[in-house]
Amino acid sequence: MKQPITGYHKDDQADWVAELSCGHFQHVRHNPPWVERPWVESQAGRDAMLGFELECKKCDRGEPKDAAP
């Protein structure tokens, strides 16, 4: 199920995590060549992706909301 990005925070290893409107969190790493997300490396890039919909596998599985960071 696609859910829009509403915000971001960093996890305890300093990786960016997208906060989705459904209450779930999803890592949004830029880790070439496996994952290409250069937009996550700048504030402007992250801001530009607010509202972008990511596939939320946690919603598909019916998982409860993630705990606040």
PDB file of N, CA and C in Angstrom:
ATOM      1  N   MET A   1       0.851  -1.171   0.000  1.00  0.00           N
ATOM      2  CA  MET A   1       0.000   0.000   0.000  1.00  0.00           C
ATOM      3  C   MET A   1       0.899   1.237   0.000  1.00  0.00           C
ATOM      4  N   LYS A   2       0.625   2.155  -0.892  1.00  0.00           N
ATOM      5  CA  LYS A   2       1.436   3.372  -0.968  1.00  0.00           C
ATOM      6  C   LYS A   2       0.984   4.383   0.072  1.00  0.00           C
ATOM      7  N   GLN A   3       1.976   4.988   0.729  1.00  0.00           N
ATOM      8  CA  GLN A   3       1.727   5.985   1.769  1.00  0.00           C
ATOM      9  C   GLN A   3       2.669   7.170   1.556  1.00  0.00           C
ATOM     10  N   PRO A   4       2.178   8.407   1.704  1.00  0.00           N
ATOM     11  CA  PRO A   4       3.039   9.576   1.520  1.00  0.00           C
ATOM     12  C   PRO A   4       4.005   9.814   2.681  1.00  0.00           C
ATOM     13  N   ILE A   5       5.166  10.356   2.321  1.00  0.00           N
ATOM     14  CA  ILE A   5       6.164  10.754   3.316  1.00  0.00           C
ATOM     15  C   ILE A   5       5.697  12.045   3.979  1.00  0.00           C
ATOM     16  N   THR A   6       5.710  12.063   5.308  1.00  0.00           N
ATOM     17  CA  THR A   6       5.295  13.268   6.044  1.00  0.00           C
ATOM     18  C   THR A   6       6.447  13.916   6.809  1.00  0.00           C
ATOM     19  N   GLY A   7       7.557  13.210   6.951  1.00  0.00           N
ATOM     20  CA  GLY A   7       8.703  13.744   7.670  1.00  0.00           C
ATOM     21  C   GLY A   7       9.850  12.751   7.670  1.00  0.00           C
ATOM     22  N   TYR A   8      10.920  13.116   8.387  1.00  0.00           N
ATOM     23  CA  TYR A   8      12.119  12.282   8.446  1.00  0.00           C
ATOM     24  C   TYR A   8      12.738  12.377   9.827  1.00  0.00           C
ATOM     25  N   HIS A   9      13.498  11.376  10.163  1.00  0.00           N
ATOM     26  CA  HIS A   9      14.373  11.413  11.330  1.00  0.00           C
ATOM     27  C   HIS A   9      15.546  10.478  11.053  1.00  0.00           C
ATOM     28  N   LYS A  10      16.583  10.588  11.872  1.00  0.00           N
ATOM     29  CA  LYS A  10      17.721   9.676  11.747  1.00  0.00           C
ATOM     30  C   LYS A  10      17.618   8.597  12.814  1.00  0.00           C
ATOM     31  N   ASP A  11      18.031   7.383  12.442  1.00  0.00           N
ATOM     32  CA  ASP A  11      18.034   6.302  13.422  1.00  0.00           C
ATOM     33  C   ASP A  11      19.321   6.359  14.244  1.00  0.00           C
ATOM     34  N   ASP A  12      19.524   5.394  15.114  1.00  0.00           N
ATOM     35  CA  ASP A  12      20.685   5.410  15.997  1.00  0.00           C
ATOM     36  C   ASP A  12      22.010   5.169  15.269  1.00  0.00           C
ATOM     37  N   GLN A  13      21.950   4.821  13.987  1.00  0.00           N
ATOM     38  CA  GLN A  13      23.165   4.655  13.182  1.00  0.00           C
ATOM     39  C   GLN A  13      23.311   5.776  12.154  1.00  0.00           C
ATOM     40  N   ALA A  14      22.554   6.842  12.324  1.00  0.00           N
ATOM     41  CA  ALA A  14      22.592   8.045  11.492  1.00  0.00           C
ATOM     42  C   ALA A  14      22.093   7.825  10.070  1.00  0.00           C
ATOM     43  N   ASP A  15      21.250   6.807   9.868  1.00  0.00           N
ATOM     44  CA  ASP A  15      20.599   6.604   8.572  1.00  0.00           C
ATOM     45  C   ASP A  15      19.261   7.326   8.581  1.00  0.00           C
ATOM     46  N   TRP A  16      18.875   7.897   7.435  1.00  0.00           N
ATOM     47  CA  TRP A  16      17.605   8.606   7.338  1.00  0.00           C
ATOM     48  C   TRP A  16      16.439   7.622   7.282  1.00  0.00           C
ATOM     49  N   VAL A  17      15.377   7.984   7.977  1.00  0.00           N
ATOM     50  CA  VAL A  17      14.159   7.183   8.041  1.00  0.00           C
ATOM     51  C   VAL A  17      12.994   8.088   7.651  1.00  0.00           C
ATOM     52  N   ALA A  18      12.192   7.639   6.681  1.00  0.00           N
ATOM     53  CA  ALA A  18      11.000   8.394   6.291  1.00  0.00           C
ATOM     54  C   ALA A  18       9.867   8.051   7.250  1.00  0.00           C
ATOM     55  N   GLU A  19       9.131   9.071   7.648  1.00  0.00           N
ATOM     56  CA  GLU A  19       7.935   8.893   8.463  1.00  0.00           C
ATOM     57  C   GLU A  19       6.752   8.970   7.506  1.00  0.00           C
ATOM     58  N   LEU A  20       5.940   7.924   7.480  1.00  0.00           N
ATOM     59  CA  LEU A  20       4.828   7.852   6.542  1.00  0.00           C
ATOM     60  C   LEU A  20       3.519   8.251   7.212  1.00  0.00           C
ATOM     61  N   SER A  21       2.550   8.677   6.416  1.00  0.00           N
ATOM     62  CA  SER A  21       1.278   9.159   6.962  1.00  0.00           C
ATOM     63  C   SER A  21       0.525   8.084   7.728  1.00  0.00           C
ATOM     64  N   CYS A  22       0.815   6.824   7.472  1.00  0.00           N
ATOM     65  CA  CYS A  22       0.146   5.712   8.151  1.00  0.00           C
ATOM     66  C   CYS A  22       0.698   5.469   9.549  1.00  0.00           C
ATOM     67  N   GLY A  23       1.828   6.127   9.887  1.00  0.00           N
ATOM     68  CA  GLY A  23       2.436   5.934  11.194  1.00  0.00           C
ATOM     69  C   GLY A  23       3.587   4.940  11.188  1.00  0.00           C
ATOM     70  N   HIS A  24       3.924   4.422  10.014  1.00  0.00           N
ATOM     71  CA  HIS A  24       5.069   3.519   9.892  1.00  0.00           C
ATOM     72  C   HIS A  24       6.303   4.302   9.460  1.00  0.00           C
ATOM     73  N   PHE A  25       7.471   3.734   9.743  1.00  0.00           N
ATOM     74  CA  PHE A  25       8.753   4.323   9.349  1.00  0.00           C
ATOM     75  C   PHE A  25       9.410   3.407   8.320  1.00  0.00           C
ATOM     76  N   GLN A  26      10.186   4.010   7.409  1.00  0.00           N
ATOM     77  CA  GLN A  26      10.897   3.240   6.400  1.00  0.00           C
ATOM     78  C   GLN A  26      12.240   3.888   6.115  1.00  0.00           C
ATOM     79  N   HIS A  27      13.318   3.114   6.166  1.00  0.00           N
ATOM     80  CA  HIS A  27      14.635   3.646   5.838  1.00  0.00           C
ATOM     81  C   HIS A  27      14.658   4.125   4.383  1.00  0.00           C
ATOM     82  N   VAL A  28      15.337   5.252   4.162  1.00  0.00           N
ATOM     83  CA  VAL A  28      15.508   5.801   2.814  1.00  0.00           C
ATOM     84  C   VAL A  28      16.986   6.091   2.606  1.00  0.00           C
ATOM     85  N   ARG A  29      17.761   5.020   2.542  1.00  0.00           N
ATOM     86  CA  ARG A  29      19.210   5.140   2.399  1.00  0.00           C
ATOM     87  C   ARG A  29      19.611   5.380   0.950  1.00  0.00           C
ATOM     88  N   HIS A  30      20.707   6.107   0.793  1.00  0.00           N
ATOM     89  CA  HIS A  30      21.377   6.225  -0.508  1.00  0.00           C
ATOM     90  C   HIS A  30      22.599   5.321  -0.399  1.00  0.00           C
ATOM     91  N   ASN A  31      22.536   4.139  -1.020  1.00  0.00           N
ATOM     92  CA  ASN A  31      23.574   3.140  -0.877  1.00  0.00           C
ATOM     93  C   ASN A  31      23.896   2.525  -2.240  1.00  0.00           C
ATOM     94  N   PRO A  32      24.518   3.331  -3.137  1.00  0.00           N
ATOM     95  CA  PRO A  32      24.811   2.809  -4.476  1.00  0.00           C
ATOM     96  C   PRO A  32      25.759   1.617  -4.415  1.00  0.00           C
ATOM     97  N   PRO A  33      25.689   0.702  -5.331  1.00  0.00           N
ATOM     98  CA  PRO A  33      24.815   0.644  -6.500  1.00  0.00           C
ATOM     99  C   PRO A  33      23.476  -0.027  -6.212  1.00  0.00           C
ATOM    100  N   TRP A  34      23.242  -0.487  -4.983  1.00  0.00           N
ATOM    101  CA  TRP A  34      22.013  -1.216  -4.683  1.00  0.00           C
ATOM    102  C   TRP A  34      20.803  -0.299  -4.591  1.00  0.00           C
ATOM    103  N   VAL A  35      20.945   0.823  -3.939  1.00  0.00           N
ATOM    104  CA  VAL A  35      19.827   1.757  -3.768  1.00  0.00           C
ATOM    105  C   VAL A  35      20.299   3.149  -4.168  1.00  0.00           C
ATOM    106  N   GLU A  36      19.599   3.751  -5.113  1.00  0.00           N
ATOM    107  CA  GLU A  36      19.938   5.097  -5.593  1.00  0.00           C
ATOM    108  C   GLU A  36      18.904   6.099  -5.081  1.00  0.00           C
ATOM    109  N   ARG A  37      19.240   6.805  -4.030  1.00  0.00           N
ATOM    110  CA  ARG A  37      18.373   7.860  -3.485  1.00  0.00           C
ATOM    111  C   ARG A  37      19.226   9.069  -3.128  1.00  0.00           C
ATOM    112  N   PRO A  38      19.847   9.717  -4.106  1.00  0.00           N
ATOM    113  CA  PRO A  38      20.711  10.857  -3.795  1.00  0.00           C
ATOM    114  C   PRO A  38      19.963  12.006  -3.123  1.00  0.00           C
ATOM    115  N   TRP A  39      18.649  12.087  -3.329  1.00  0.00           N
ATOM    116  CA  TRP A  39      17.852  13.163  -2.742  1.00  0.00           C
ATOM    117  C   TRP A  39      17.878  13.138  -1.213  1.00  0.00           C
ATOM    118  N   VAL A  40      18.151  11.976  -0.611  1.00  0.00           N
ATOM    119  CA  VAL A  40      18.111  11.871   0.843  1.00  0.00           C
ATOM    120  C   VAL A  40      19.303  12.554   1.503  1.00  0.00           C
ATOM    121  N   GLU A  41      20.336  12.877   0.741  1.00  0.00           N
ATOM    122  CA  GLU A  41      21.550  13.427   1.318  1.00  0.00           C
ATOM    123  C   GLU A  41      21.500  14.925   1.596  1.00  0.00           C
ATOM    124  N   SER A  42      20.475  15.620   1.109  1.00  0.00           N
ATOM    125  CA  SER A  42      20.384  17.058   1.382  1.00  0.00           C
ATOM    126  C   SER A  42      19.003  17.407   1.935  1.00  0.00           C
ATOM    127  N   GLN A  43      18.956  18.469   2.715  1.00  0.00           N
ATOM    128  CA  GLN A  43      17.681  18.938   3.260  1.00  0.00           C
ATOM    129  C   GLN A  43      16.722  19.301   2.137  1.00  0.00           C
ATOM    130  N   ALA A  44      17.228  19.977   1.111  1.00  0.00           N
ATOM    131  CA  ALA A  44      16.375  20.368  -0.019  1.00  0.00           C
ATOM    132  C   ALA A  44      15.818  19.134  -0.727  1.00  0.00           C
ATOM    133  N   GLY A  45      16.651  18.113  -0.879  1.00  0.00           N
ATOM    134  CA  GLY A  45      16.201  16.882  -1.519  1.00  0.00           C
ATOM    135  C   GLY A  45      15.123  16.185  -0.713  1.00  0.00           C
ATOM    136  N   ARG A  46      15.328  16.092   0.597  1.00  0.00           N
ATOM    137  CA  ARG A  46      14.315  15.472   1.459  1.00  0.00           C
ATOM    138  C   ARG A  46      13.024  16.280   1.444  1.00  0.00           C
ATOM    139  N   ASP A  47      13.136  17.596   1.533  1.00  0.00           N
ATOM    140  CA  ASP A  47      11.940  18.448   1.505  1.00  0.00           C
ATOM    141  C   ASP A  47      11.158  18.267   0.210  1.00  0.00           C
ATOM    142  N   ALA A  48      11.880  18.130  -0.903  1.00  0.00           N
ATOM    143  CA  ALA A  48      11.221  17.972  -2.207  1.00  0.00           C
ATOM    144  C   ALA A  48      10.444  16.660  -2.299  1.00  0.00           C
ATOM    145  N   MET A  49      10.809  15.669  -1.479  1.00  0.00           N
ATOM    146  CA  MET A  49      10.147  14.369  -1.533  1.00  0.00           C
ATOM    147  C   MET A  49       9.001  14.233  -0.523  1.00  0.00           C
ATOM    148  N   LEU A  50       8.769  15.263   0.291  1.00  0.00           N
ATOM    149  CA  LEU A  50       7.618  15.220   1.192  1.00  0.00           C
ATOM    150  C   LEU A  50       6.352  15.049   0.348  1.00  0.00           C
ATOM    151  N   GLY A  51       5.504  14.129   0.725  1.00  0.00           N
ATOM    152  CA  GLY A  51       4.294  13.841  -0.032  1.00  0.00           C
ATOM    153  C   GLY A  51       4.473  12.726  -1.046  1.00  0.00           C
ATOM    154  N   PHE A  52       5.722  12.375  -1.373  1.00  0.00           N
ATOM    155  CA  PHE A  52       5.979  11.278  -2.302  1.00  0.00           C
ATOM    156  C   PHE A  52       5.533   9.974  -1.648  1.00  0.00           C
ATOM    157  N   GLU A  53       4.911   9.117  -2.404  1.00  0.00           N
ATOM    158  CA  GLU A  53       4.390   7.874  -1.849  1.00  0.00           C
ATOM    159  C   GLU A  53       5.391   6.729  -1.982  1.00  0.00           C
ATOM    160  N   LEU A  54       5.630   6.066  -0.856  1.00  0.00           N
ATOM    161  CA  LEU A  54       6.463   4.868  -0.815  1.00  0.00           C
ATOM    162  C   LEU A  54       5.562   3.666  -0.564  1.00  0.00           C
ATOM    163  N   GLU A  55       5.977   2.532  -1.056  1.00  0.00           N
ATOM    164  CA  GLU A  55       5.251   1.289  -0.788  1.00  0.00           C
ATOM    165  C   GLU A  55       5.481   0.902   0.671  1.00  0.00           C
ATOM    166  N   CYS A  56       4.413   0.751   1.442  1.00  0.00           N
ATOM    167  CA  CYS A  56       4.523   0.411   2.865  1.00  0.00           C
ATOM    168  C   CYS A  56       4.155  -1.059   3.060  1.00  0.00           C
ATOM    169  N   LYS A  57       5.176  -1.873   3.207  1.00  0.00           N
ATOM    170  CA  LYS A  57       4.958  -3.310   3.421  1.00  0.00           C
ATOM    171  C   LYS A  57       4.378  -3.581   4.802  1.00  0.00           C
ATOM    172  N   LYS A  58       4.634  -2.683   5.751  1.00  0.00           N
ATOM    173  CA  LYS A  58       4.066  -2.862   7.090  1.00  0.00           C
ATOM    174  C   LYS A  58       2.550  -2.723   7.050  1.00  0.00           C
ATOM    175  N   CYS A  59       2.035  -1.801   6.235  1.00  0.00           N
ATOM    176  CA  CYS A  59       0.586  -1.672   6.067  1.00  0.00           C
ATOM    177  C   CYS A  59       0.021  -2.943   5.420  1.00  0.00           C
ATOM    178  N   ASP A  60       0.722  -3.436   4.400  1.00  0.00           N
ATOM    179  CA  ASP A  60       0.271  -4.643   3.718  1.00  0.00           C
ATOM    180  C   ASP A  60       0.162  -5.811   4.683  1.00  0.00           C
ATOM    181  N   ARG A  61       1.043  -5.857   5.684  1.00  0.00           N
ATOM    182  CA  ARG A  61       1.029  -6.949   6.663  1.00  0.00           C
ATOM    183  C   ARG A  61       0.121  -6.650   7.865  1.00  0.00           C
ATOM    184  N   GLY A  62      -0.454  -5.447   7.909  1.00  0.00           N
ATOM    185  CA  GLY A  62      -1.338  -5.084   9.012  1.00  0.00           C
ATOM    186  C   GLY A  62      -0.640  -4.834  10.325  1.00  0.00           C
ATOM    187  N   GLU A  63       0.619  -4.388  10.250  1.00  0.00           N
ATOM    188  CA  GLU A  63       1.396  -4.137  11.466  1.00  0.00           C
ATOM    189  C   GLU A  63       0.952  -2.852  12.159  1.00  0.00           C
ATOM    190  N   PRO A  64       1.121  -2.779  13.494  1.00  0.00           N
ATOM    191  CA  PRO A  64       0.774  -1.542  14.216  1.00  0.00           C
ATOM    192  C   PRO A  64       1.749  -0.421  13.868  1.00  0.00           C
ATOM    193  N   LYS A  65       1.361   0.803  14.197  1.00  0.00           N
ATOM    194  CA  LYS A  65       2.212   1.965  13.956  1.00  0.00           C
ATOM    195  C   LYS A  65       3.536   1.808  14.685  1.00  0.00           C
ATOM    196  N   ASP A  66       4.591   2.414  14.123  1.00  0.00           N
ATOM    197  CA  ASP A  66       5.904   2.401  14.768  1.00  0.00           C
ATOM    198  C   ASP A  66       5.906   3.389  15.926  1.00  0.00           C
ATOM    199  N   ALA A  67       6.782   3.127  16.894  1.00  0.00           N
ATOM    200  CA  ALA A  67       6.920   4.001  18.057  1.00  0.00           C
ATOM    201  C   ALA A  67       7.605   5.303  17.640  1.00  0.00           C
ATOM    202  N   ALA A  68       7.242   6.394  18.260  1.00  0.00           N
ATOM    203  CA  ALA A  68       7.844   7.699  17.953  1.00  0.00           C
ATOM    204  C   ALA A  68       9.343   7.645  18.165  1.00  0.00           C
ATOM    205  N   PRO A  69      10.094   8.330  17.273  1.00  0.00           N
ATOM    206  CA  PRO A  69      11.568   8.307  17.405  1.00  0.00           C
ATOM    207  C   PRO A  69      12.064   9.043  18.640  1.00  0.00           C
TER     208      PRO A  69
END
